[in-house]
Amino acid sequence: MNCPCISFSQKLIMTGKRILQLQASLRGRNLDAILITEPANRRYLSGYTAADHGIQESSGVLLIPKNGRPHLLTDSRFELQAQEEAQGFKVELYRKGLAALLKTLLPDLGVRRLGFESHYFLHAAVGRLEKALAGTTELVPLTGLVERMREVKSEEEISLIRQSVRLNERIFQQVSGTVAPGMTEIEVALAIERAMRENGAERPSFDTIVAFGSNAVKPHAVPTDRILREGEIVLIDMGLILNGYCSDMTRTLFVGKPDSIFLERLRAVRKAQLAAVKVIRAGAVCREVDQAARQVLNKEGMGKAFGHSLGHGVGLAVHEAPSLNPRNRKQLRAGMIVTIEPGVYFPGWGGIRLENMAVVREDGCELLNEDSTGLDL
């Protein structure tokens, strides 16, 4: 397959601009530096791709001063990878733990007020750090500083996400054509995730959802050993990570000739999706986009069957801001990427969800999906 990777020099320019933007924000908040621990934020700012093995076992932490060269703090397991990927960063190893290294490093950098990501830094770790830095450095909790930077995507990021979407679609088309009675939900999910790896994806962007029949009533169903039968619904929600960026798509199929109830509900969900697409543009209020889809389903008598939000942002994480929900009064901005995924769910029968991804533009939105399986009604 053709690689949609951006060049090394492009990555360096992108991360360099992001660091400068963050440093300006630190100066505006009277902070001397910030610790970046959230994995997607770390990758966004440095290009460092190592994964954490849970929140308690980090593969590295960024220390970004308000001026000057940023640091990547890690241990010997990741030293070579950090040096190769985090160009422009000074790689420092913590041999006696993060707190011990910071106790030595921060005074040398003149850091008296240190910000940290309070939403992704364990309380116990903060306690250890406060004890180590007592009397020398004030810890300042921050939330969403880098996430707000990530909300609006550059054209380079949009291109990478588009490639992730297209690969996700190709894999869906490849695997969905093989789905047949006698297969289990787990078999289909494994086939999808195996094809992702075989076609160059880093990994799924979330655990693949495959639900047959009445199991499709669960929006986040976990695949089971349930066997597919003729005349049943097949709901597939899948996404992958390619070059760091996520995709997310849902399709609902029917094995055999669909009955009138299925077609009626599928058409209603598709109408709701199209109504939301027409509203999406820069300046649109998130909750009004959600409401556009919800009004259609209300008119169809299915409003109570639509219990979740209409959509969410996608980027380095599969779920990020903005949220298209009934409470969000924030406005969309050009360059944001969102999912549009109305769904209806009926206990004992199953559920239908259709999900596409779109880029918010000044005068509307650009749909990233080309696959129309289940959409041409």
Protein backbone atom coordinates (compact mmCIF):
# COMPACT_ATOMS: atom_id res chain seq x y z
CA MET A 1 0.00 0.00 0.00
CA ASN A 2 1.11 3.59 -0.56
CA CYS A 3 2.36 5.18 2.66
CA PRO A 4 0.65 8.47 3.56
CA CYS A 5 3.46 9.34 5.98
CA ILE A 6 4.65 12.92 6.21
CA SER A 7 8.39 13.46 5.96
CA PHE A 8 10.77 13.71 8.89
CA SER A 9 11.35 17.40 8.25
CA GLN A 10 7.59 18.06 8.13
CA LYS A 11 7.13 16.31 11.48
CA LEU A 12 9.92 18.40 12.99
CA ILE A 13 8.31 21.61 11.76
CA MET A 14 4.88 20.57 13.04
CA THR A 15 6.06 19.60 16.52
CA GLY A 16 8.27 22.70 16.70
CA LYS A 17 5.31 24.99 16.05
CA ARG A 18 3.25 23.18 18.67
CA ILE A 19 6.00 23.55 21.28
CA LEU A 20 6.26 27.28 20.61
CA GLN A 21 2.47 27.65 20.93
CA LEU A 22 2.48 25.76 24.23
CA GLN A 23 5.41 27.78 25.57
CA ALA A 24 3.57 31.01 24.82
CA SER A 25 0.60 29.64 26.76
CA LEU A 26 2.86 28.79 29.72
CA ARG A 27 4.25 32.31 29.81
CA GLY A 28 0.73 33.69 29.74
CA ARG A 29 -0.12 31.58 32.80
CA ASN A 30 3.05 32.56 34.67
CA LEU A 31 4.31 28.98 34.59
CA ASP A 32 7.97 28.06 34.23
CA ALA A 33 7.33 24.63 32.71
CA ILE A 34 4.78 21.85 32.26
CA LEU A 35 4.92 18.07 32.58
CA ILE A 36 3.10 16.24 29.78
CA THR A 37 2.05 12.72 30.77
CA GLU A 38 -1.06 12.01 28.62
CA PRO A 39 0.13 9.70 25.78
CA ALA A 40 -1.68 11.41 22.87
CA ASN A 41 -0.48 14.83 24.04
CA ARG A 42 3.06 13.49 24.35
CA ARG A 43 2.97 12.17 20.79
CA TYR A 44 1.36 15.37 19.47
CA LEU A 45 4.14 17.54 20.88
CA SER A 46 7.17 15.30 20.32
CA GLY A 47 6.47 12.61 17.72
CA TYR A 48 7.41 9.99 20.33
CA THR A 49 5.25 6.91 19.68
CA ALA A 50 6.01 4.57 22.59
CA ALA A 51 2.87 3.28 24.32
CA ASP A 52 2.19 3.26 28.05
CA HIS A 53 1.35 0.00 29.78
CA GLY A 54 -1.40 1.64 31.78
CA ILE A 55 -1.41 4.92 33.66
CA GLN A 56 0.90 3.49 36.33
CA GLU A 57 3.67 2.52 33.91
CA SER A 58 4.66 5.38 31.63
CA SER A 59 7.04 5.14 28.71
CA GLY A 60 8.07 8.75 29.21
CA VAL A 61 7.18 12.27 30.28
CA LEU A 62 7.73 15.55 28.48
CA LEU A 63 9.13 18.49 30.41
CA ILE A 64 8.44 21.65 28.41
CA PRO A 65 10.01 24.84 29.81
CA LYS A 66 8.50 28.23 29.01
CA ASN A 67 11.61 28.99 26.94
CA GLY A 68 14.32 26.89 25.39
CA ARG A 69 14.75 23.24 24.55
CA PRO A 70 12.14 20.69 25.70
CA HIS A 71 13.07 17.47 27.48
CA LEU A 72 11.83 13.89 27.22
CA LEU A 73 12.27 12.01 30.50
CA THR A 74 12.20 8.21 30.24
CA ASP A 75 14.05 5.05 31.32
CA SER A 76 16.64 2.89 29.60
CA ARG A 77 14.06 0.66 27.89
CA PHE A 78 12.98 3.54 25.64
CA GLU A 79 16.24 5.50 25.30
CA LEU A 80 16.99 4.66 21.67
CA GLN A 81 13.39 5.10 20.52
CA ALA A 82 13.17 8.45 22.29
CA GLN A 83 16.38 9.69 20.67
CA GLU A 84 15.24 8.55 17.22
CA GLU A 85 11.70 9.92 17.35
CA ALA A 86 11.74 12.98 19.61
CA GLN A 87 14.08 15.10 17.53
CA GLY A 88 14.71 18.50 19.08
CA PHE A 89 14.19 17.09 22.58
CA LYS A 90 16.91 16.46 25.13
CA VAL A 91 16.45 12.88 26.31
CA GLU A 92 17.12 12.37 30.03
CA LEU A 93 16.93 9.00 31.81
CA TYR A 94 15.44 8.63 35.26
CA ARG A 95 17.40 5.84 36.92
CA LYS A 96 15.94 6.42 40.39
CA GLY A 97 12.46 7.47 39.35
CA LEU A 98 10.86 10.57 37.88
CA ALA A 99 10.64 12.50 41.17
CA ALA A 100 14.36 12.07 41.86
CA LEU A 101 15.32 13.28 38.39
CA LEU A 102 13.03 16.32 38.59
CA LYS A 103 14.42 17.23 42.02
CA THR A 104 17.81 17.66 40.34
CA LEU A 105 16.70 18.96 36.95
CA LEU A 106 14.13 21.63 37.85
CA PRO A 107 16.45 23.92 39.89
CA ASP A 108 18.97 23.84 37.02
CA LEU A 109 16.20 25.02 34.66
CA GLY A 110 14.97 27.69 37.08
CA VAL A 111 11.53 26.09 37.41
CA ARG A 112 9.62 27.45 40.39
CA ARG A 113 6.05 26.90 39.11
CA LEU A 114 5.46 23.59 37.34
CA GLY A 115 2.19 22.76 35.61
CA PHE A 116 0.99 19.16 35.35
CA GLU A 117 -1.90 17.39 33.61
CA SER A 118 -4.18 16.76 36.56
CA HIS A 119 -6.53 14.59 34.46
CA TYR A 120 -3.70 12.16 33.64
CA PHE A 121 -1.32 12.11 36.57
CA LEU A 122 -2.04 9.79 39.48
CA HIS A 123 -2.76 11.38 42.85
CA ALA A 124 -0.08 9.14 44.37
CA ALA A 125 2.47 10.34 41.82
CA VAL A 126 1.61 13.97 42.57
CA GLY A 127 2.12 13.24 46.27
CA ARG A 128 5.57 11.76 45.66
CA LEU A 129 6.51 14.70 43.50
CA GLU A 130 5.31 17.26 46.05
CA LYS A 131 7.37 15.55 48.73
CA ALA A 132 10.50 15.50 46.55
CA LEU A 133 10.11 19.13 45.48
CA ALA A 134 8.95 20.54 48.82
CA GLY A 135 10.09 24.13 49.31
CA THR A 136 11.54 24.46 45.80
CA THR A 137 8.75 24.07 43.23
CA GLU A 138 5.01 24.73 43.27
CA LEU A 139 2.87 22.18 41.39
CA VAL A 140 0.00 23.75 39.42
CA PRO A 141 -2.82 21.45 38.19
CA LEU A 142 -3.96 22.00 34.60
CA THR A 143 -6.70 20.41 32.52
CA GLY A 144 -7.12 20.32 28.75
CA LEU A 145 -4.31 22.70 27.80
CA VAL A 146 -2.89 20.56 25.00
CA GLU A 147 -6.24 18.96 24.20
CA ARG A 148 -7.58 22.38 23.21
CA MET A 149 -4.64 22.76 20.82
CA ARG A 150 -5.48 19.37 19.30
CA GLU A 151 -9.14 20.19 18.60
CA VAL A 152 -8.44 21.98 15.30
CA LYS A 153 -6.46 19.85 12.87
CA SER A 154 -3.93 21.10 10.36
CA GLU A 155 -4.32 20.09 6.71
CA GLU A 156 -1.42 17.65 7.24
CA GLU A 157 -3.35 16.00 10.08
CA ILE A 158 -6.56 15.94 8.05
CA SER A 159 -4.70 14.17 5.24
CA LEU A 160 -3.44 11.51 7.66
CA ILE A 161 -6.91 11.02 9.15
CA ARG A 162 -8.39 10.73 5.66
CA GLN A 163 -5.91 7.93 4.90
CA SER A 164 -6.87 6.19 8.15
CA VAL A 165 -10.56 6.40 7.21
CA ARG A 166 -9.95 5.04 3.72
CA LEU A 167 -7.93 2.07 5.00
CA ASN A 168 -10.63 1.37 7.59
CA GLU A 169 -13.24 1.35 4.80
CA ARG A 170 -11.20 -1.02 2.62
CA ILE A 171 -10.88 -3.48 5.48
CA PHE A 172 -14.61 -3.27 6.20
CA GLN A 173 -15.39 -3.99 2.55
CA GLN A 174 -12.93 -6.88 2.56
CA VAL A 175 -14.26 -8.54 5.71
CA SER A 176 -17.97 -7.69 5.53
CA GLY A 177 -18.24 -9.58 2.25
CA THR A 178 -17.22 -12.77 4.05
CA VAL A 179 -19.74 -12.50 6.91
CA ALA A 180 -22.18 -15.40 6.69
CA PRO A 181 -24.49 -17.50 8.87
CA GLY A 182 -22.54 -19.83 11.13
CA MET A 183 -19.84 -17.29 12.02
CA THR A 184 -19.52 -15.92 15.53
CA GLU A 185 -19.19 -12.29 16.60
CA ILE A 186 -15.68 -13.03 17.86
CA GLU A 187 -14.65 -14.56 14.52
CA VAL A 188 -15.72 -11.47 12.62
CA ALA A 189 -14.02 -9.11 15.08
CA LEU A 190 -10.78 -11.11 14.89
CA ALA A 191 -10.89 -11.11 11.08
CA ILE A 192 -11.26 -7.32 11.09
CA GLU A 193 -8.41 -6.71 13.52
CA ARG A 194 -6.13 -9.20 11.76
CA ALA A 195 -6.78 -7.43 8.43
CA MET A 196 -5.94 -4.10 10.07
CA ARG A 197 -2.51 -5.36 11.09
CA GLU A 198 -1.89 -7.06 7.76
CA ASN A 199 -2.66 -3.83 5.90
CA GLY A 200 -0.32 -1.57 7.85
CA ALA A 201 -2.40 -0.22 10.74
CA GLU A 202 -0.66 0.24 14.08
CA ARG A 203 -3.61 -1.32 15.89
CA PRO A 204 -7.37 -0.86 16.29
CA SER A 205 -8.30 2.56 17.66
CA PHE A 206 -10.70 0.79 20.05
CA ASP A 207 -11.89 -2.76 20.65
CA THR A 208 -13.86 -3.72 17.55
CA ILE A 209 -17.63 -4.01 18.11
CA VAL A 210 -19.47 -6.80 16.30
CA ALA A 211 -23.04 -7.53 17.41
CA PHE A 212 -25.60 -9.89 15.91
CA GLY A 213 -29.37 -9.70 16.30
CA SER A 214 -30.59 -8.61 19.71
CA ASN A 215 -26.99 -8.08 20.91
CA ALA A 216 -26.95 -4.95 18.71
CA VAL A 217 -29.14 -3.22 21.28
CA LYS A 218 -25.91 -2.53 23.21
CA PRO A 219 -24.11 0.49 21.69
CA HIS A 220 -20.76 -0.79 23.05
CA ALA A 221 -21.43 -4.51 22.71
CA VAL A 222 -18.52 -6.87 23.36
CA PRO A 223 -18.19 -9.65 20.74
CA THR A 224 -19.27 -13.07 21.99
CA ASP A 225 -19.47 -16.61 20.66
CA ARG A 226 -23.02 -15.96 19.47
CA ILE A 227 -23.58 -17.58 16.06
CA LEU A 228 -25.03 -15.54 13.20
CA ARG A 229 -28.31 -16.75 11.75
CA GLU A 230 -30.17 -15.88 8.54
CA GLY A 231 -32.48 -12.90 8.98
CA GLU A 232 -30.40 -11.15 11.65
CA ILE A 233 -28.84 -7.72 12.05
CA VAL A 234 -25.06 -7.34 11.95
CA LEU A 235 -23.73 -4.16 13.55
CA ILE A 236 -20.01 -3.46 13.06
CA ASP A 237 -18.26 -0.51 14.71
CA MET A 238 -14.56 -0.42 13.84
CA GLY A 239 -11.60 1.92 13.66
CA LEU A 240 -7.84 1.78 13.29
CA ILE A 241 -4.73 3.84 13.92
CA LEU A 242 -2.54 4.69 10.94
CA ASN A 243 0.49 6.92 11.44
CA GLY A 244 -0.86 7.86 14.84
CA TYR A 245 -4.30 9.02 13.68
CA CYS A 246 -7.60 7.27 14.32
CA SER A 247 -10.64 6.38 12.27
CA ASP A 248 -14.09 5.32 13.45
CA MET A 249 -16.97 3.94 11.36
CA THR A 250 -20.19 2.01 12.02
CA ARG A 251 -22.31 0.08 9.54
CA THR A 252 -25.44 -1.99 10.14
CA LEU A 253 -26.19 -4.87 7.76
CA PHE A 254 -28.91 -7.48 7.43
CA VAL A 255 -28.30 -11.12 6.55
CA GLY A 256 -30.80 -12.17 3.93
CA LYS A 257 -33.72 -10.08 2.71
CA PRO A 258 -34.35 -7.20 5.14
CA ASP A 259 -37.85 -6.89 6.53
CA SER A 260 -39.93 -3.71 6.55
CA ILE A 261 -39.18 -2.90 10.21
CA PHE A 262 -35.43 -2.99 9.63
CA LEU A 263 -35.70 -0.84 6.50
CA GLU A 264 -37.95 1.71 8.21
CA ARG A 265 -35.57 2.09 11.12
CA LEU A 266 -32.47 2.17 8.91
CA ARG A 267 -33.98 4.90 6.72
CA ALA A 268 -34.86 6.96 9.80
CA VAL A 269 -31.29 6.73 11.12
CA ARG A 270 -29.88 7.69 7.72
CA LYS A 271 -32.26 10.69 7.49
CA ALA A 272 -31.09 11.78 10.94
CA GLN A 273 -27.47 11.53 9.88
CA LEU A 274 -28.05 13.59 6.73
CA ALA A 275 -29.94 16.24 8.70
CA ALA A 276 -26.95 16.67 11.01
CA VAL A 277 -24.51 16.80 8.08
CA LYS A 278 -26.46 19.76 6.65
CA VAL A 279 -26.01 21.73 9.90
CA ILE A 280 -22.28 21.14 10.43
CA ARG A 281 -20.12 24.16 9.61
CA ALA A 282 -17.80 26.58 11.41
CA GLY A 283 -19.83 28.50 13.98
CA ALA A 284 -22.52 25.85 14.40
CA VAL A 285 -23.32 25.05 18.03
CA CYS A 286 -22.56 21.45 18.98
CA ARG A 287 -25.88 20.82 20.66
CA GLU A 288 -27.77 22.19 17.63
CA VAL A 289 -26.07 19.62 15.40
CA ASP A 290 -27.14 16.90 17.81
CA GLN A 291 -30.65 18.36 17.88
CA ALA A 292 -30.94 18.28 14.07
CA ALA A 293 -30.55 14.50 14.10
CA ARG A 294 -32.67 14.06 17.22
CA GLN A 295 -35.60 15.99 15.72
CA VAL A 296 -35.75 13.61 12.76
CA LEU A 297 -35.89 10.58 15.02
CA ASN A 298 -38.50 12.27 17.21
CA LYS A 299 -40.72 12.82 14.15
CA GLU A 300 -40.24 9.16 13.21
CA GLY A 301 -41.38 8.14 16.69
CA MET A 302 -37.92 6.81 17.57
CA GLY A 303 -36.53 9.63 19.67
CA LYS A 304 -36.56 7.63 22.91
CA ALA A 305 -34.55 4.89 21.19
CA PHE A 306 -31.64 7.31 20.59
CA GLY A 307 -29.94 7.55 23.97
CA HIS A 308 -26.34 8.54 23.26
CA SER A 309 -24.73 11.67 21.85
CA LEU A 310 -24.57 12.24 18.12
CA GLY A 311 -20.80 12.27 17.82
CA HIS A 312 -17.34 13.18 19.03
CA GLY A 313 -14.02 14.49 17.86
CA VAL A 314 -11.36 12.16 16.42
CA GLY A 315 -7.62 12.64 16.04
CA LEU A 316 -4.68 11.09 17.85
CA ALA A 317 -7.35 9.74 20.22
CA VAL A 318 -10.54 8.13 18.98
CA HIS A 319 -12.61 10.11 21.47
CA GLU A 320 -11.67 13.76 21.93
CA ALA A 321 -13.28 17.18 21.80
CA PRO A 322 -15.63 18.43 20.53
CA SER A 323 -18.64 16.43 21.72
CA LEU A 324 -21.85 16.67 19.70
CA ASN A 325 -24.22 16.22 22.61
CA PRO A 326 -27.47 17.91 23.75
CA ARG A 327 -25.68 19.96 26.44
CA ASN A 328 -22.61 21.29 24.63
CA ARG A 329 -22.97 25.01 23.83
CA LYS A 330 -19.53 25.35 22.23
CA GLN A 331 -19.23 26.31 18.59
CA LEU A 332 -17.53 24.19 15.95
CA ARG A 333 -14.39 25.58 14.33
CA ALA A 334 -13.01 24.96 10.87
CA GLY A 335 -10.54 22.07 10.96
CA MET A 336 -12.30 20.08 13.66
CA ILE A 337 -13.10 16.48 12.80
CA VAL A 338 -16.24 14.86 14.16
CA THR A 339 -18.21 11.65 13.87
CA ILE A 340 -21.91 11.72 12.97
CA GLU A 341 -23.40 8.53 14.42
CA PRO A 342 -27.12 8.48 15.19
CA GLY A 343 -28.51 5.16 16.36
CA VAL A 344 -31.71 3.55 17.58
CA TYR A 345 -31.90 0.59 19.95
CA PHE A 346 -34.87 -1.66 20.77
CA PRO A 347 -34.55 -4.31 23.52
CA GLY A 348 -35.25 -7.81 22.24
CA TRP A 349 -34.85 -6.70 18.61
CA GLY A 350 -31.44 -5.07 18.27
CA GLY A 351 -30.09 -1.74 17.13
CA ILE A 352 -29.02 0.28 14.10
CA ARG A 353 -26.19 2.81 14.02
CA LEU A 354 -24.58 4.56 11.05
CA GLU A 355 -21.36 6.49 11.55
CA ASN A 356 -19.29 8.65 9.25
CA MET A 357 -16.51 11.16 9.90
CA ALA A 358 -16.41 14.74 8.62
CA VAL A 359 -14.12 17.77 8.63
CA VAL A 360 -15.74 21.04 9.70
CA ARG A 361 -15.24 23.70 7.03
CA GLU A 362 -16.21 27.38 6.93
CA ASP A 363 -19.18 26.77 4.63
CA GLY A 364 -20.21 23.25 5.60
CA CYS A 365 -18.44 19.96 6.13
CA GLU A 366 -16.31 17.56 4.11
CA LEU A 367 -17.26 13.91 4.54
CA LEU A 368 -14.19 11.70 4.81
CA ASN A 369 -15.97 8.43 4.09
CA GLU A 370 -16.43 7.00 0.63
CA ASP A 371 -17.98 3.66 1.67
CA SER A 372 -21.75 3.74 1.22
CA THR A 373 -22.60 0.23 2.43
CA GLY A 374 -26.04 0.44 4.00
CA LEU A 375 -26.35 4.15 3.21
CA ASP A 376 -27.89 4.09 -0.28
CA LEU A 377 -31.51 3.46 0.64
